[in-house]
Every structure is written in C-alpha cells, then in structure tokens.
Amino acid sequence: MRKEYDFSKGKRGAYNRKTKRQVTINLDESTIAYFKDLADETGISYQNLINLYLRDCAAEEKKPSINWQKTGT
C-alpha cells in the first residue's frame, strides 16, 4: 500500500448511483402506526418497510382496488 494517494482528479460519487429520492407523502396515522409496529418486530426502519412494500407493488404491477361509494344524495 502506498503512503499517499492522489485523489485530485477523482470524481465524488462516480461509482455511487443515488438509488433513492426523498419525497414528501401524506399517510394516515393508522398506516404509519402499522409500519412502525412492523418495524419494531423486524428491526427494519418503517421508511424502508414502506419502500419495500411499494417496490413489491410496482414489481408485481399491483393496482389498488378503489370502490367509491356515493354519500348523501
């Protein structure tokens, strides 16, 4: 191993591709509580659990089943 290395021509993050992007999302309190409880059980942060779940949904091309119900009229 050398005593010194020359990094003057190096590029920061040249081999690191940023794989995640920070976004703001509004979630129900009960949804957050569910993932936080799951995080306590698994030892994985709730943000990562949400990301894993959404990634799985995207990979499986899952579509939400939304049944809108009329109210009041």
PDB file of N, CA and C in Angstrom:
ATOM      1  N   MET A   1       0.835  -1.174   0.000  1.00  0.00           N
ATOM      2  CA  MET A   1       0.000   0.000   0.000  1.00  0.00           C
ATOM      3  C   MET A   1       0.881   1.239   0.000  1.00  0.00           C
ATOM      4  N   ARG A   2       0.482   2.232  -0.767  1.00  0.00           N
ATOM      5  CA  ARG A   2       1.232   3.480  -0.814  1.00  0.00           C
ATOM      6  C   ARG A   2       1.037   4.290   0.452  1.00  0.00           C
ATOM      7  N   LYS A   3       2.009   5.143   0.723  1.00  0.00           N
ATOM      8  CA  LYS A   3       1.862   6.058   1.856  1.00  0.00           C
ATOM      9  C   LYS A   3       0.860   7.147   1.530  1.00  0.00           C
ATOM     10  N   GLU A   4       0.837   7.593   0.270  1.00  0.00           N
ATOM     11  CA  GLU A   4      -0.071   8.661  -0.142  1.00  0.00           C
ATOM     12  C   GLU A   4      -0.726   8.309  -1.475  1.00  0.00           C
ATOM     13  N   TYR A   5      -1.926   8.783  -1.642  1.00  0.00           N
ATOM     14  CA  TYR A   5      -2.663   8.602  -2.897  1.00  0.00           C
ATOM     15  C   TYR A   5      -3.086   9.965  -3.417  1.00  0.00           C
ATOM     16  N   ASP A   6      -3.124  10.116  -4.742  1.00  0.00           N
ATOM     17  CA  ASP A   6      -3.517  11.379  -5.357  1.00  0.00           C
ATOM     18  C   ASP A   6      -4.973  11.273  -5.820  1.00  0.00           C
ATOM     19  N   PHE A   7      -5.853  11.965  -5.126  1.00  0.00           N
ATOM     20  CA  PHE A   7      -7.268  11.968  -5.480  1.00  0.00           C
ATOM     21  C   PHE A   7      -7.682  13.272  -6.158  1.00  0.00           C
ATOM     22  N   SER A   8      -6.731  14.049  -6.607  1.00  0.00           N
ATOM     23  CA  SER A   8      -7.037  15.370  -7.173  1.00  0.00           C
ATOM     24  C   SER A   8      -7.888  15.277  -8.439  1.00  0.00           C
ATOM     25  N   LYS A   9      -7.801  14.206  -9.168  1.00  0.00           N
ATOM     26  CA  LYS A   9      -8.590  14.055 -10.394  1.00  0.00           C
ATOM     27  C   LYS A   9      -9.797  13.138 -10.200  1.00  0.00           C
ATOM     28  N   GLY A  10     -10.028  12.740  -8.967  1.00  0.00           N
ATOM     29  CA  GLY A  10     -11.154  11.863  -8.674  1.00  0.00           C
ATOM     30  C   GLY A  10     -12.480  12.613  -8.705  1.00  0.00           C
ATOM     31  N   LYS A  11     -13.539  11.899  -8.993  1.00  0.00           N
ATOM     32  CA  LYS A  11     -14.884  12.472  -9.004  1.00  0.00           C
ATOM     33  C   LYS A  11     -15.670  11.868  -7.861  1.00  0.00           C
ATOM     34  N   ARG A  12     -16.243  12.723  -7.037  1.00  0.00           N
ATOM     35  CA  ARG A  12     -17.025  12.259  -5.898  1.00  0.00           C
ATOM     36  C   ARG A  12     -18.270  11.519  -6.388  1.00  0.00           C
ATOM     37  N   GLY A  13     -18.484  10.334  -5.864  1.00  0.00           N
ATOM     38  CA  GLY A  13     -19.681   9.566  -6.193  1.00  0.00           C
ATOM     39  C   GLY A  13     -19.712   9.014  -7.599  1.00  0.00           C
ATOM     40  N   ALA A  14     -18.573   8.893  -8.242  1.00  0.00           N
ATOM     41  CA  ALA A  14     -18.539   8.414  -9.629  1.00  0.00           C
ATOM     42  C   ALA A  14     -19.103   6.998  -9.750  1.00  0.00           C
ATOM     43  N   TYR A  15     -18.956   6.210  -8.713  1.00  0.00           N
ATOM     44  CA  TYR A  15     -19.434   4.830  -8.767  1.00  0.00           C
ATOM     45  C   TYR A  15     -20.667   4.609  -7.904  1.00  0.00           C
ATOM     46  N   ASN A  16     -21.108   5.642  -7.255  1.00  0.00           N
ATOM     47  CA  ASN A  16     -22.317   5.543  -6.427  1.00  0.00           C
ATOM     48  C   ASN A  16     -23.476   6.184  -7.164  1.00  0.00           C
ATOM     49  N   ARG A  17     -24.423   5.387  -7.524  1.00  0.00           N
ATOM     50  CA  ARG A  17     -25.625   5.908  -8.157  1.00  0.00           C
ATOM     51  C   ARG A  17     -26.653   6.121  -7.057  1.00  0.00           C
ATOM     52  N   LYS A  18     -27.183   7.307  -6.961  1.00  0.00           N
ATOM     53  CA  LYS A  18     -28.184   7.562  -5.932  1.00  0.00           C
ATOM     54  C   LYS A  18     -29.438   6.785  -6.304  1.00  0.00           C
ATOM     55  N   THR A  19     -29.797   5.856  -5.451  1.00  0.00           N
ATOM     56  CA  THR A  19     -30.895   4.960  -5.784  1.00  0.00           C
ATOM     57  C   THR A  19     -32.212   5.390  -5.158  1.00  0.00           C
ATOM     58  N   LYS A  20     -32.147   6.319  -4.212  1.00  0.00           N
ATOM     59  CA  LYS A  20     -33.379   6.763  -3.571  1.00  0.00           C
ATOM     60  C   LYS A  20     -33.505   8.268  -3.704  1.00  0.00           C
ATOM     61  N   ARG A  21     -34.743   8.716  -3.714  1.00  0.00           N
ATOM     62  CA  ARG A  21     -35.027  10.144  -3.804  1.00  0.00           C
ATOM     63  C   ARG A  21     -35.994  10.500  -2.693  1.00  0.00           C
ATOM     64  N   GLN A  22     -35.709  11.573  -1.998  1.00  0.00           N
ATOM     65  CA  GLN A  22     -36.577  11.992  -0.906  1.00  0.00           C
ATOM     66  C   GLN A  22     -37.826  12.659  -1.463  1.00  0.00           C
ATOM     67  N   VAL A  23     -38.988  12.223  -0.965  1.00  0.00           N
ATOM     68  CA  VAL A  23     -40.267  12.819  -1.347  1.00  0.00           C
ATOM     69  C   VAL A  23     -41.090  13.049  -0.088  1.00  0.00           C
ATOM     70  N   THR A  24     -42.055  13.897  -0.208  1.00  0.00           N
ATOM     71  CA  THR A  24     -43.000  14.122   0.884  1.00  0.00           C
ATOM     72  C   THR A  24     -44.300  13.438   0.515  1.00  0.00           C
ATOM     73  N   ILE A  25     -44.845  12.682   1.458  1.00  0.00           N
ATOM     74  CA  ILE A  25     -46.080  11.955   1.213  1.00  0.00           C
ATOM     75  C   ILE A  25     -46.932  12.029   2.471  1.00  0.00           C
ATOM     76  N   ASN A  26     -48.224  12.198   2.301  1.00  0.00           N
ATOM     77  CA  ASN A  26     -49.147  12.240   3.430  1.00  0.00           C
ATOM     78  C   ASN A  26     -49.771  10.860   3.609  1.00  0.00           C
ATOM     79  N   LEU A  27     -49.603  10.300   4.810  1.00  0.00           N
ATOM     80  CA  LEU A  27     -50.136   8.983   5.117  1.00  0.00           C
ATOM     81  C   LEU A  27     -51.044   9.074   6.332  1.00  0.00           C
ATOM     82  N   ASP A  28     -52.034   8.184   6.392  1.00  0.00           N
ATOM     83  CA  ASP A  28     -52.918   8.108   7.556  1.00  0.00           C
ATOM     84  C   ASP A  28     -52.102   7.711   8.782  1.00  0.00           C
ATOM     85  N   GLU A  29     -52.534   8.197   9.940  1.00  0.00           N
ATOM     86  CA  GLU A  29     -51.871   7.842  11.197  1.00  0.00           C
ATOM     87  C   GLU A  29     -51.867   6.331  11.413  1.00  0.00           C
ATOM     88  N   SER A  30     -52.971   5.668  11.070  1.00  0.00           N
ATOM     89  CA  SER A  30     -53.057   4.219  11.271  1.00  0.00           C
ATOM     90  C   SER A  30     -52.071   3.472  10.373  1.00  0.00           C
ATOM     91  N   THR A  31     -51.835   3.987   9.177  1.00  0.00           N
ATOM     92  CA  THR A  31     -50.870   3.369   8.266  1.00  0.00           C
ATOM     93  C   THR A  31     -49.462   3.505   8.818  1.00  0.00           C
ATOM     94  N   ILE A  32     -49.138   4.686   9.312  1.00  0.00           N
ATOM     95  CA  ILE A  32     -47.816   4.912   9.900  1.00  0.00           C
ATOM     96  C   ILE A  32     -47.634   4.020  11.129  1.00  0.00           C
ATOM     97  N   ALA A  33     -48.659   3.934  11.969  1.00  0.00           N
ATOM     98  CA  ALA A  33     -48.586   3.099  13.167  1.00  0.00           C
ATOM     99  C   ALA A  33     -48.360   1.637  12.797  1.00  0.00           C
ATOM    100  N   TYR A  34     -49.040   1.163  11.756  1.00  0.00           N
ATOM    101  CA  TYR A  34     -48.871  -0.225  11.313  1.00  0.00           C
ATOM    102  C   TYR A  34     -47.418  -0.497  10.937  1.00  0.00           C
ATOM    103  N   PHE A  35     -46.842   0.385  10.115  1.00  0.00           N
ATOM    104  CA  PHE A  35     -45.471   0.167   9.669  1.00  0.00           C
ATOM    105  C   PHE A  35     -44.462   0.375  10.800  1.00  0.00           C
ATOM    106  N   LYS A  36     -44.756   1.260  11.737  1.00  0.00           N
ATOM    107  CA  LYS A  36     -43.857   1.435  12.887  1.00  0.00           C
ATOM    108  C   LYS A  36     -43.880   0.196  13.781  1.00  0.00           C
ATOM    109  N   ASP A  37     -45.061  -0.395  13.985  1.00  0.00           N
ATOM    110  CA  ASP A  37     -45.151  -1.639  14.751  1.00  0.00           C
ATOM    111  C   ASP A  37     -44.390  -2.760  14.044  1.00  0.00           C
ATOM    112  N   LEU A  38     -44.550  -2.836  12.743  1.00  0.00           N
ATOM    113  CA  LEU A  38     -43.840  -3.841  11.956  1.00  0.00           C
ATOM    114  C   LEU A  38     -42.332  -3.608  12.023  1.00  0.00           C
ATOM    115  N   ALA A  39     -41.929  -2.351  12.061  1.00  0.00           N
ATOM    116  CA  ALA A  39     -40.508  -2.005  12.179  1.00  0.00           C
ATOM    117  C   ALA A  39     -39.941  -2.502  13.499  1.00  0.00           C
ATOM    118  N   ASP A  40     -40.712  -2.358  14.571  1.00  0.00           N
ATOM    119  CA  ASP A  40     -40.269  -2.854  15.876  1.00  0.00           C
ATOM    120  C   ASP A  40     -40.093  -4.368  15.864  1.00  0.00           C
ATOM    121  N   GLU A  41     -40.977  -5.069  15.159  1.00  0.00           N
ATOM    122  CA  GLU A  41     -40.907  -6.532  15.086  1.00  0.00           C
ATOM    123  C   GLU A  41     -39.724  -7.010  14.254  1.00  0.00           C
ATOM    124  N   THR A  42     -39.453  -6.299  13.160  1.00  0.00           N
ATOM    125  CA  THR A  42     -38.460  -6.776  12.192  1.00  0.00           C
ATOM    126  C   THR A  42     -37.079  -6.165  12.365  1.00  0.00           C
ATOM    127  N   GLY A  43     -37.002  -5.008  13.024  1.00  0.00           N
ATOM    128  CA  GLY A  43     -35.722  -4.326  13.146  1.00  0.00           C
ATOM    129  C   GLY A  43     -35.345  -3.536  11.897  1.00  0.00           C
ATOM    130  N   ILE A  44     -36.301  -3.364  10.999  1.00  0.00           N
ATOM    131  CA  ILE A  44     -36.098  -2.581   9.774  1.00  0.00           C
ATOM    132  C   ILE A  44     -36.868  -1.283   9.957  1.00  0.00           C
ATOM    133  N   SER A  45     -36.287  -0.153   9.554  1.00  0.00           N
ATOM    134  CA  SER A  45     -36.975   1.121   9.747  1.00  0.00           C
ATOM    135  C   SER A  45     -38.301   1.142   8.989  1.00  0.00           C
ATOM    136  N   TYR A  46     -39.254   1.884   9.537  1.00  0.00           N
ATOM    137  CA  TYR A  46     -40.573   1.900   8.899  1.00  0.00           C
ATOM    138  C   TYR A  46     -40.521   2.524   7.513  1.00  0.00           C
ATOM    139  N   GLN A  47     -39.601   3.486   7.302  1.00  0.00           N
ATOM    140  CA  GLN A  47     -39.479   4.073   5.967  1.00  0.00           C
ATOM    141  C   GLN A  47     -39.012   3.017   4.959  1.00  0.00           C
ATOM    142  N   ASN A  48     -38.059   2.189   5.364  1.00  0.00           N
ATOM    143  CA  ASN A  48     -37.589   1.127   4.474  1.00  0.00           C
ATOM    144  C   ASN A  48     -38.667   0.088   4.233  1.00  0.00           C
ATOM    145  N   LEU A  49     -39.462  -0.220   5.256  1.00  0.00           N
ATOM    146  CA  LEU A  49     -40.564  -1.174   5.065  1.00  0.00           C
ATOM    147  C   LEU A  49     -41.586  -0.644   4.068  1.00  0.00           C
ATOM    148  N   ILE A  50     -41.926   0.632   4.181  1.00  0.00           N
ATOM    149  CA  ILE A  50     -42.864   1.233   3.230  1.00  0.00           C
ATOM    150  C   ILE A  50     -42.272   1.181   1.829  1.00  0.00           C
ATOM    151  N   ASN A  51     -40.981   1.500   1.699  1.00  0.00           N
ATOM    152  CA  ASN A  51     -40.320   1.458   0.401  1.00  0.00           C
ATOM    153  C   ASN A  51     -40.321   0.038  -0.169  1.00  0.00           C
ATOM    154  N   LEU A  52     -40.019  -0.958   0.675  1.00  0.00           N
ATOM    155  CA  LEU A  52     -40.021  -2.352   0.214  1.00  0.00           C
ATOM    156  C   LEU A  52     -41.403  -2.776  -0.262  1.00  0.00           C
ATOM    157  N   TYR A  53     -42.429  -2.369   0.485  1.00  0.00           N
ATOM    158  CA  TYR A  53     -43.790  -2.734   0.109  1.00  0.00           C
ATOM    159  C   TYR A  53     -44.181  -2.083  -1.223  1.00  0.00           C
ATOM    160  N   LEU A  54     -43.879  -0.802  -1.362  1.00  0.00           N
ATOM    161  CA  LEU A  54     -44.223  -0.111  -2.605  1.00  0.00           C
ATOM    162  C   LEU A  54     -43.422  -0.658  -3.788  1.00  0.00           C
ATOM    163  N   ARG A  55     -42.160  -1.021  -3.545  1.00  0.00           N
ATOM    164  CA  ARG A  55     -41.342  -1.611  -4.605  1.00  0.00           C
ATOM    165  C   ARG A  55     -41.945  -2.938  -5.054  1.00  0.00           C
ATOM    166  N   ASP A  56     -42.412  -3.744  -4.092  1.00  0.00           N
ATOM    167  CA  ASP A  56     -43.051  -5.022  -4.409  1.00  0.00           C
ATOM    168  C   ASP A  56     -44.322  -4.798  -5.225  1.00  0.00           C
ATOM    169  N   CYS A  57     -45.117  -3.800  -4.819  1.00  0.00           N
ATOM    170  CA  CYS A  57     -46.341  -3.488  -5.570  1.00  0.00           C
ATOM    171  C   CYS A  57     -46.010  -3.090  -7.004  1.00  0.00           C
ATOM    172  N   ALA A  58     -44.974  -2.272  -7.183  1.00  0.00           N
ATOM    173  CA  ALA A  58     -44.585  -1.828  -8.526  1.00  0.00           C
ATOM    174  C   ALA A  58     -44.064  -3.003  -9.351  1.00  0.00           C
ATOM    175  N   ALA A  59     -43.259  -3.870  -8.740  1.00  0.00           N
ATOM    176  CA  ALA A  59     -42.701  -5.021  -9.462  1.00  0.00           C
ATOM    177  C   ALA A  59     -43.801  -5.986  -9.905  1.00  0.00           C
ATOM    178  N   GLU A  60     -44.805  -6.148  -9.054  1.00  0.00           N
ATOM    179  CA  GLU A  60     -45.919  -7.046  -9.362  1.00  0.00           C
ATOM    180  C   GLU A  60     -47.020  -6.346 -10.167  1.00  0.00           C
ATOM    181  N   GLU A  61     -46.828  -5.061 -10.432  1.00  0.00           N
ATOM    182  CA  GLU A  61     -47.808  -4.227 -11.137  1.00  0.00           C
ATOM    183  C   GLU A  61     -49.182  -4.316 -10.493  1.00  0.00           C
ATOM    184  N   LYS A  62     -49.182  -4.285  -9.158  1.00  0.00           N
ATOM    185  CA  LYS A  62     -50.447  -4.331  -8.417  1.00  0.00           C
ATOM    186  C   LYS A  62     -51.174  -3.005  -8.570  1.00  0.00           C
ATOM    187  N   LYS A  63     -52.460  -3.093  -8.698  1.00  0.00           N
ATOM    188  CA  LYS A  63     -53.303  -1.900  -8.790  1.00  0.00           C
ATOM    189  C   LYS A  63     -54.232  -1.885  -7.584  1.00  0.00           C
ATOM    190  N   PRO A  64     -54.432  -0.716  -6.988  1.00  0.00           N
ATOM    191  CA  PRO A  64     -55.347  -0.667  -5.842  1.00  0.00           C
ATOM    192  C   PRO A  64     -56.784  -0.880  -6.291  1.00  0.00           C
ATOM    193  N   SER A  65     -57.556  -1.545  -5.470  1.00  0.00           N
ATOM    194  CA  SER A  65     -58.974  -1.692  -5.781  1.00  0.00           C
ATOM    195  C   SER A  65     -59.711  -0.588  -5.019  1.00  0.00           C
ATOM    196  N   ILE A  66     -60.207   0.350  -5.763  1.00  0.00           N
ATOM    197  CA  ILE A  66     -60.883   1.509  -5.178  1.00  0.00           C
ATOM    198  C   ILE A  66     -62.360   1.428  -5.542  1.00  0.00           C
ATOM    199  N   ASN A  67     -63.187   1.323  -4.539  1.00  0.00           N
ATOM    200  CA  ASN A  67     -64.628   1.292  -4.745  1.00  0.00           C
ATOM    201  C   ASN A  67     -65.225   2.536  -4.106  1.00  0.00           C
ATOM    202  N   TRP A  68     -65.426   3.551  -4.917  1.00  0.00           N
ATOM    203  CA  TRP A  68     -66.000   4.805  -4.410  1.00  0.00           C
ATOM    204  C   TRP A  68     -67.469   4.604  -4.161  1.00  0.00           C
ATOM    205  N   GLN A  69     -67.929   5.042  -3.025  1.00  0.00           N
ATOM    206  CA  GLN A  69     -69.345   4.929  -2.695  1.00  0.00           C
ATOM    207  C   GLN A  69     -69.940   6.328  -2.622  1.00  0.00           C
ATOM    208  N   LYS A  70     -71.130   6.458  -3.179  1.00  0.00           N
ATOM    209  CA  LYS A  70     -71.810   7.737  -3.118  1.00  0.00           C
ATOM    210  C   LYS A  70     -72.288   7.965  -1.689  1.00  0.00           C
ATOM    211  N   THR A  71     -72.190   9.192  -1.276  1.00  0.00           N
ATOM    212  CA  THR A  71     -72.689   9.530   0.068  1.00  0.00           C
ATOM    213  C   THR A  71     -73.746  10.626  -0.053  1.00  0.00           C
ATOM    214  N   GLY A  72     -74.736  10.506   0.768  1.00  0.00           N
ATOM    215  CA  GLY A  72     -75.663  11.604   0.938  1.00  0.00           C
ATOM    216  C   GLY A  72     -76.695  11.884  -0.131  1.00  0.00           C
ATOM    217  N   THR A  73     -76.696  11.844  -1.287  1.00  0.00           N
ATOM    218  CA  THR A  73     -77.690  12.387  -2.203  1.00  0.00           C
ATOM    219  C   THR A  73     -78.879  11.556  -2.422  1.00  0.00           C
TER     220      THR A  73
END
